[in-house]
Amino acid sequence: MKTKAGLIAGFILGVTGFLFLFKIIFLDHISPEDELAPGIVVIASVLNGFLFAFIGSLIQNYFVKK
């Protein structure tokens, strides 16, 4: 489990960070009549989570090797 800590933490940070910023930046400024595709938001959130998981894995591997 220790070897996956960077992946898991990065993924969770990426997904929650994206959804939080999406709410703060976009949803508060869009009128309720406008339609948003929720699937695109979820896909973008998961892709952002994968990116942060990769970065978290790189950071973990950097510190473990030292």
PDB file of N, CA and C in Angstrom:
ATOM      1  N   MET A   1       0.824  -1.192   0.000  1.00  0.00           N
ATOM      2  CA  MET A   1       0.000   0.000   0.000  1.00  0.00           C
ATOM      3  C   MET A   1       0.867   1.254   0.000  1.00  0.00           C
ATOM      4  N   LYS A   2       2.060   1.174   0.605  1.00  0.00           N
ATOM      5  CA  LYS A   2       2.932   2.333   0.627  1.00  0.00           C
ATOM      6  C   LYS A   2       3.385   2.729  -0.772  1.00  0.00           C
ATOM      7  N   THR A   3       3.468   1.754  -1.672  1.00  0.00           N
ATOM      8  CA  THR A   3       3.924   2.069  -3.023  1.00  0.00           C
ATOM      9  C   THR A   3       2.847   2.778  -3.837  1.00  0.00           C
ATOM     10  N   LYS A   4       1.624   2.704  -3.428  1.00  0.00           N
ATOM     11  CA  LYS A   4       0.516   3.345  -4.144  1.00  0.00           C
ATOM     12  C   LYS A   4       0.039   4.629  -3.482  1.00  0.00           C
ATOM     13  N   ALA A   5       0.684   5.059  -2.433  1.00  0.00           N
ATOM     14  CA  ALA A   5       0.225   6.240  -1.699  1.00  0.00           C
ATOM     15  C   ALA A   5       0.282   7.492  -2.564  1.00  0.00           C
ATOM     16  N   GLY A   6       1.329   7.643  -3.359  1.00  0.00           N
ATOM     17  CA  GLY A   6       1.436   8.814  -4.228  1.00  0.00           C
ATOM     18  C   GLY A   6       0.367   8.822  -5.301  1.00  0.00           C
ATOM     19  N   LEU A   7       0.075   7.646  -5.855  1.00  0.00           N
ATOM     20  CA  LEU A   7      -0.975   7.544  -6.871  1.00  0.00           C
ATOM     21  C   LEU A   7      -2.338   7.896  -6.304  1.00  0.00           C
ATOM     22  N   ILE A   8      -2.664   7.310  -5.171  1.00  0.00           N
ATOM     23  CA  ILE A   8      -3.979   7.518  -4.574  1.00  0.00           C
ATOM     24  C   ILE A   8      -4.153   8.971  -4.128  1.00  0.00           C
ATOM     25  N   ALA A   9      -3.152   9.513  -3.455  1.00  0.00           N
ATOM     26  CA  ALA A   9      -3.244  10.899  -2.983  1.00  0.00           C
ATOM     27  C   ALA A   9      -3.319  11.867  -4.157  1.00  0.00           C
ATOM     28  N   GLY A  10      -2.544  11.627  -5.190  1.00  0.00           N
ATOM     29  CA  GLY A  10      -2.574  12.492  -6.362  1.00  0.00           C
ATOM     30  C   GLY A  10      -3.909  12.448  -7.073  1.00  0.00           C
ATOM     31  N   PHE A  11      -4.471  11.245  -7.207  1.00  0.00           N
ATOM     32  CA  PHE A  11      -5.758  11.112  -7.881  1.00  0.00           C
ATOM     33  C   PHE A  11      -6.866  11.825  -7.112  1.00  0.00           C
ATOM     34  N   ILE A  12      -6.900  11.613  -5.820  1.00  0.00           N
ATOM     35  CA  ILE A  12      -7.930  12.250  -4.994  1.00  0.00           C
ATOM     36  C   ILE A  12      -7.771  13.767  -5.017  1.00  0.00           C
ATOM     37  N   LEU A  13      -6.532  14.245  -4.912  1.00  0.00           N
ATOM     38  CA  LEU A  13      -6.286  15.684  -4.952  1.00  0.00           C
ATOM     39  C   LEU A  13      -6.673  16.276  -6.301  1.00  0.00           C
ATOM     40  N   GLY A  14      -6.358  15.562  -7.384  1.00  0.00           N
ATOM     41  CA  GLY A  14      -6.680  16.062  -8.716  1.00  0.00           C
ATOM     42  C   GLY A  14      -8.169  16.130  -8.977  1.00  0.00           C
ATOM     43  N   VAL A  15      -8.891  15.086  -8.616  1.00  0.00           N
ATOM     44  CA  VAL A  15     -10.337  15.053  -8.866  1.00  0.00           C
ATOM     45  C   VAL A  15     -11.063  16.086  -8.013  1.00  0.00           C
ATOM     46  N   THR A  16     -10.776  16.108  -6.729  1.00  0.00           N
ATOM     47  CA  THR A  16     -11.485  17.048  -5.857  1.00  0.00           C
ATOM     48  C   THR A  16     -11.096  18.491  -6.157  1.00  0.00           C
ATOM     49  N   GLY A  17      -9.832  18.715  -6.480  1.00  0.00           N
ATOM     50  CA  GLY A  17      -9.397  20.063  -6.821  1.00  0.00           C
ATOM     51  C   GLY A  17     -10.075  20.576  -8.076  1.00  0.00           C
ATOM     52  N   PHE A  18     -10.180  19.716  -9.092  1.00  0.00           N
ATOM     53  CA  PHE A  18     -10.842  20.128 -10.322  1.00  0.00           C
ATOM     54  C   PHE A  18     -12.310  20.431 -10.086  1.00  0.00           C
ATOM     55  N   LEU A  19     -13.009  19.556  -9.371  1.00  0.00           N
ATOM     56  CA  LEU A  19     -14.429  19.785  -9.122  1.00  0.00           C
ATOM     57  C   LEU A  19     -14.663  21.032  -8.276  1.00  0.00           C
ATOM     58  N   PHE A  20     -13.806  21.267  -7.302  1.00  0.00           N
ATOM     59  CA  PHE A  20     -13.939  22.462  -6.468  1.00  0.00           C
ATOM     60  C   PHE A  20     -13.718  23.729  -7.298  1.00  0.00           C
ATOM     61  N   LEU A  21     -12.647  23.751  -8.100  1.00  0.00           N
ATOM     62  CA  LEU A  21     -12.382  24.928  -8.924  1.00  0.00           C
ATOM     63  C   LEU A  21     -13.439  25.114  -9.995  1.00  0.00           C
ATOM     64  N   PHE A  22     -13.982  24.025 -10.534  1.00  0.00           N
ATOM     65  CA  PHE A  22     -15.049  24.122 -11.516  1.00  0.00           C
ATOM     66  C   PHE A  22     -16.272  24.775 -10.899  1.00  0.00           C
ATOM     67  N   LYS A  23     -16.575  24.393  -9.670  1.00  0.00           N
ATOM     68  CA  LYS A  23     -17.724  24.999  -8.987  1.00  0.00           C
ATOM     69  C   LYS A  23     -17.481  26.468  -8.719  1.00  0.00           C
ATOM     70  N   ILE A  24     -16.309  26.810  -8.235  1.00  0.00           N
ATOM     71  CA  ILE A  24     -16.006  28.200  -7.881  1.00  0.00           C
ATOM     72  C   ILE A  24     -15.927  29.085  -9.125  1.00  0.00           C
ATOM     73  N   ILE A  25     -15.261  28.609 -10.172  1.00  0.00           N
ATOM     74  CA  ILE A  25     -15.004  29.464 -11.337  1.00  0.00           C
ATOM     75  C   ILE A  25     -16.175  29.476 -12.316  1.00  0.00           C
ATOM     76  N   PHE A  26     -16.727  28.310 -12.645  1.00  0.00           N
ATOM     77  CA  PHE A  26     -17.713  28.248 -13.717  1.00  0.00           C
ATOM     78  C   PHE A  26     -19.163  28.222 -13.231  1.00  0.00           C
ATOM     79  N   LEU A  27     -19.491  27.356 -12.315  1.00  0.00           N
ATOM     80  CA  LEU A  27     -20.899  27.169 -11.958  1.00  0.00           C
ATOM     81  C   LEU A  27     -21.518  28.388 -11.298  1.00  0.00           C
ATOM     82  N   ASP A  28     -20.740  29.152 -10.584  1.00  0.00           N
ATOM     83  CA  ASP A  28     -21.300  30.339  -9.938  1.00  0.00           C
ATOM     84  C   ASP A  28     -21.600  31.449 -10.927  1.00  0.00           C
ATOM     85  N   HIS A  29     -21.006  31.404 -12.124  1.00  0.00           N
ATOM     86  CA  HIS A  29     -21.177  32.478 -13.100  1.00  0.00           C
ATOM     87  C   HIS A  29     -22.057  32.079 -14.281  1.00  0.00           C
ATOM     88  N   ILE A  30     -22.611  30.886 -14.256  1.00  0.00           N
ATOM     89  CA  ILE A  30     -23.471  30.412 -15.340  1.00  0.00           C
ATOM     90  C   ILE A  30     -24.921  30.491 -14.871  1.00  0.00           C
ATOM     91  N   SER A  31     -25.792  30.961 -15.749  1.00  0.00           N
ATOM     92  CA  SER A  31     -27.199  31.046 -15.381  1.00  0.00           C
ATOM     93  C   SER A  31     -27.797  29.639 -15.308  1.00  0.00           C
ATOM     94  N   PRO A  32     -28.817  29.443 -14.495  1.00  0.00           N
ATOM     95  CA  PRO A  32     -29.425  28.106 -14.347  1.00  0.00           C
ATOM     96  C   PRO A  32     -30.079  27.586 -15.628  1.00  0.00           C
ATOM     97  N   GLU A  33     -30.406  28.469 -16.565  1.00  0.00           N
ATOM     98  CA  GLU A  33     -31.045  28.022 -17.797  1.00  0.00           C
ATOM     99  C   GLU A  33     -30.063  27.339 -18.754  1.00  0.00           C
ATOM    100  N   ASP A  34     -28.785  27.643 -18.625  1.00  0.00           N
ATOM    101  CA  ASP A  34     -27.790  27.030 -19.500  1.00  0.00           C
ATOM    102  C   ASP A  34     -27.581  25.570 -19.114  1.00  0.00           C
ATOM    103  N   GLU A  35     -27.453  24.744 -20.132  1.00  0.00           N
ATOM    104  CA  GLU A  35     -27.234  23.322 -19.885  1.00  0.00           C
ATOM    105  C   GLU A  35     -25.745  23.013 -19.938  1.00  0.00           C
ATOM    106  N   LEU A  36     -25.314  22.206 -19.011  1.00  0.00           N
ATOM    107  CA  LEU A  36     -23.942  21.703 -18.998  1.00  0.00           C
ATOM    108  C   LEU A  36     -23.988  20.193 -19.151  1.00  0.00           C
ATOM    109  N   ALA A  37     -23.066  19.676 -19.914  1.00  0.00           N
ATOM    110  CA  ALA A  37     -22.979  18.229 -20.064  1.00  0.00           C
ATOM    111  C   ALA A  37     -22.225  17.663 -18.862  1.00  0.00           C
ATOM    112  N   PRO A  38     -22.922  16.972 -17.958  1.00  0.00           N
ATOM    113  CA  PRO A  38     -22.236  16.474 -16.761  1.00  0.00           C
ATOM    114  C   PRO A  38     -21.208  15.403 -17.076  1.00  0.00           C
ATOM    115  N   GLY A  39     -21.391  14.698 -18.183  1.00  0.00           N
ATOM    116  CA  GLY A  39     -20.421  13.663 -18.548  1.00  0.00           C
ATOM    117  C   GLY A  39     -19.064  14.241 -18.873  1.00  0.00           C
ATOM    118  N   ILE A  40     -19.053  15.392 -19.541  1.00  0.00           N
ATOM    119  CA  ILE A  40     -17.785  16.041 -19.891  1.00  0.00           C
ATOM    120  C   ILE A  40     -17.074  16.518 -18.629  1.00  0.00           C
ATOM    121  N   VAL A  41     -17.821  17.021 -17.675  1.00  0.00           N
ATOM    122  CA  VAL A  41     -17.221  17.488 -16.425  1.00  0.00           C
ATOM    123  C   VAL A  41     -16.599  16.310 -15.681  1.00  0.00           C
ATOM    124  N   VAL A  42     -17.278  15.185 -15.632  1.00  0.00           N
ATOM    125  CA  VAL A  42     -16.756  14.004 -14.941  1.00  0.00           C
ATOM    126  C   VAL A  42     -15.536  13.456 -15.662  1.00  0.00           C
ATOM    127  N   ILE A  43     -15.588  13.391 -16.987  1.00  0.00           N
ATOM    128  CA  ILE A  43     -14.444  12.880 -17.753  1.00  0.00           C
ATOM    129  C   ILE A  43     -13.234  13.796 -17.558  1.00  0.00           C
ATOM    130  N   ALA A  44     -13.443  15.102 -17.611  1.00  0.00           N
ATOM    131  CA  ALA A  44     -12.339  16.036 -17.392  1.00  0.00           C
ATOM    132  C   ALA A  44     -11.783  15.903 -15.978  1.00  0.00           C
ATOM    133  N   SER A  45     -12.657  15.679 -15.014  1.00  0.00           N
ATOM    134  CA  SER A  45     -12.218  15.506 -13.640  1.00  0.00           C
ATOM    135  C   SER A  45     -11.374  14.243 -13.476  1.00  0.00           C
ATOM    136  N   VAL A  46     -11.808  13.152 -14.085  1.00  0.00           N
ATOM    137  CA  VAL A  46     -11.050  11.896 -13.987  1.00  0.00           C
ATOM    138  C   VAL A  46      -9.709  12.018 -14.713  1.00  0.00           C
ATOM    139  N   LEU A  47      -9.699  12.665 -15.874  1.00  0.00           N
ATOM    140  CA  LEU A  47      -8.435  12.858 -16.588  1.00  0.00           C
ATOM    141  C   LEU A  47      -7.473  13.724 -15.779  1.00  0.00           C
ATOM    142  N   ASN A  48      -8.002  14.739 -15.131  1.00  0.00           N
ATOM    143  CA  ASN A  48      -7.181  15.563 -14.253  1.00  0.00           C
ATOM    144  C   ASN A  48      -6.666  14.743 -13.071  1.00  0.00           C
ATOM    145  N   GLY A  49      -7.495  13.846 -12.568  1.00  0.00           N
ATOM    146  CA  GLY A  49      -7.062  12.958 -11.490  1.00  0.00           C
ATOM    147  C   GLY A  49      -5.940  12.040 -11.932  1.00  0.00           C
ATOM    148  N   PHE A  50      -6.023  11.510 -13.159  1.00  0.00           N
ATOM    149  CA  PHE A  50      -4.941  10.667 -13.680  1.00  0.00           C
ATOM    150  C   PHE A  50      -3.640  11.459 -13.825  1.00  0.00           C
ATOM    151  N   LEU A  51      -3.750  12.697 -14.282  1.00  0.00           N
ATOM    152  CA  LEU A  51      -2.560  13.534 -14.414  1.00  0.00           C
ATOM    153  C   LEU A  51      -1.914  13.778 -13.051  1.00  0.00           C
ATOM    154  N   PHE A  52      -2.717  14.107 -12.067  1.00  0.00           N
ATOM    155  CA  PHE A  52      -2.176  14.342 -10.732  1.00  0.00           C
ATOM    156  C   PHE A  52      -1.668  13.051 -10.102  1.00  0.00           C
ATOM    157  N   ALA A  53      -2.277  11.917 -10.418  1.00  0.00           N
ATOM    158  CA  ALA A  53      -1.774  10.637  -9.918  1.00  0.00           C
ATOM    159  C   ALA A  53      -0.395  10.352 -10.490  1.00  0.00           C
ATOM    160  N   PHE A  54      -0.204  10.643 -11.758  1.00  0.00           N
ATOM    161  CA  PHE A  54       1.105  10.456 -12.378  1.00  0.00           C
ATOM    162  C   PHE A  54       2.148  11.362 -11.730  1.00  0.00           C
ATOM    163  N   ILE A  55       1.775  12.619 -11.503  1.00  0.00           N
ATOM    164  CA  ILE A  55       2.695  13.560 -10.853  1.00  0.00           C
ATOM    165  C   ILE A  55       2.994  13.120  -9.421  1.00  0.00           C
ATOM    166  N   GLY A  56       1.974  12.654  -8.713  1.00  0.00           N
ATOM    167  CA  GLY A  56       2.179  12.156  -7.353  1.00  0.00           C
ATOM    168  C   GLY A  56       3.085  10.942  -7.315  1.00  0.00           C
ATOM    169  N   SER A  57       2.962  10.072  -8.311  1.00  0.00           N
ATOM    170  CA  SER A  57       3.837   8.903  -8.397  1.00  0.00           C
ATOM    171  C   SER A  57       5.281   9.328  -8.653  1.00  0.00           C
ATOM    172  N   LEU A  58       5.468  10.312  -9.537  1.00  0.00           N
ATOM    173  CA  LEU A  58       6.825  10.806  -9.800  1.00  0.00           C
ATOM    174  C   LEU A  58       7.446  11.427  -8.550  1.00  0.00           C
ATOM    175  N   ILE A  59       6.663  12.199  -7.823  1.00  0.00           N
ATOM    176  CA  ILE A  59       7.168  12.821  -6.595  1.00  0.00           C
ATOM    177  C   ILE A  59       7.516  11.758  -5.567  1.00  0.00           C
ATOM    178  N   GLN A  60       6.658  10.756  -5.416  1.00  0.00           N
ATOM    179  CA  GLN A  60       6.929   9.698  -4.454  1.00  0.00           C
ATOM    180  C   GLN A  60       8.195   8.926  -4.832  1.00  0.00           C
ATOM    181  N   ASN A  61       8.353   8.590  -6.101  1.00  0.00           N
ATOM    182  CA  ASN A  61       9.536   7.869  -6.538  1.00  0.00           C
ATOM    183  C   ASN A  61      10.806   8.696  -6.363  1.00  0.00           C
ATOM    184  N   TYR A  62      10.711  10.010  -6.540  1.00  0.00           N
ATOM    185  CA  TYR A  62      11.862  10.882  -6.358  1.00  0.00           C
ATOM    186  C   TYR A  62      12.330  10.855  -4.915  1.00  0.00           C
ATOM    187  N   PHE A  63      11.392  10.928  -3.967  1.00  0.00           N
ATOM    188  CA  PHE A  63      11.774  10.965  -2.562  1.00  0.00           C
ATOM    189  C   PHE A  63      12.135   9.593  -2.003  1.00  0.00           C
ATOM    190  N   VAL A  64      11.596   8.535  -2.577  1.00  0.00           N
ATOM    191  CA  VAL A  64      11.918   7.192  -2.091  1.00  0.00           C
ATOM    192  C   VAL A  64      13.341   6.806  -2.505  1.00  0.00           C
ATOM    193  N   LYS A  65      13.752   7.219  -3.679  1.00  0.00           N
ATOM    194  CA  LYS A  65      15.080   6.854  -4.174  1.00  0.00           C
ATOM    195  C   LYS A  65      16.195   7.577  -3.420  1.00  0.00           C
ATOM    196  N   LYS A  66      15.896   8.712  -2.807  1.00  0.00           N
ATOM    197  CA  LYS A  66      16.931   9.444  -2.077  1.00  0.00           C
ATOM    198  C   LYS A  66      17.103   8.921  -0.704  1.00  0.00           C
TER     199      LYS A  66
END
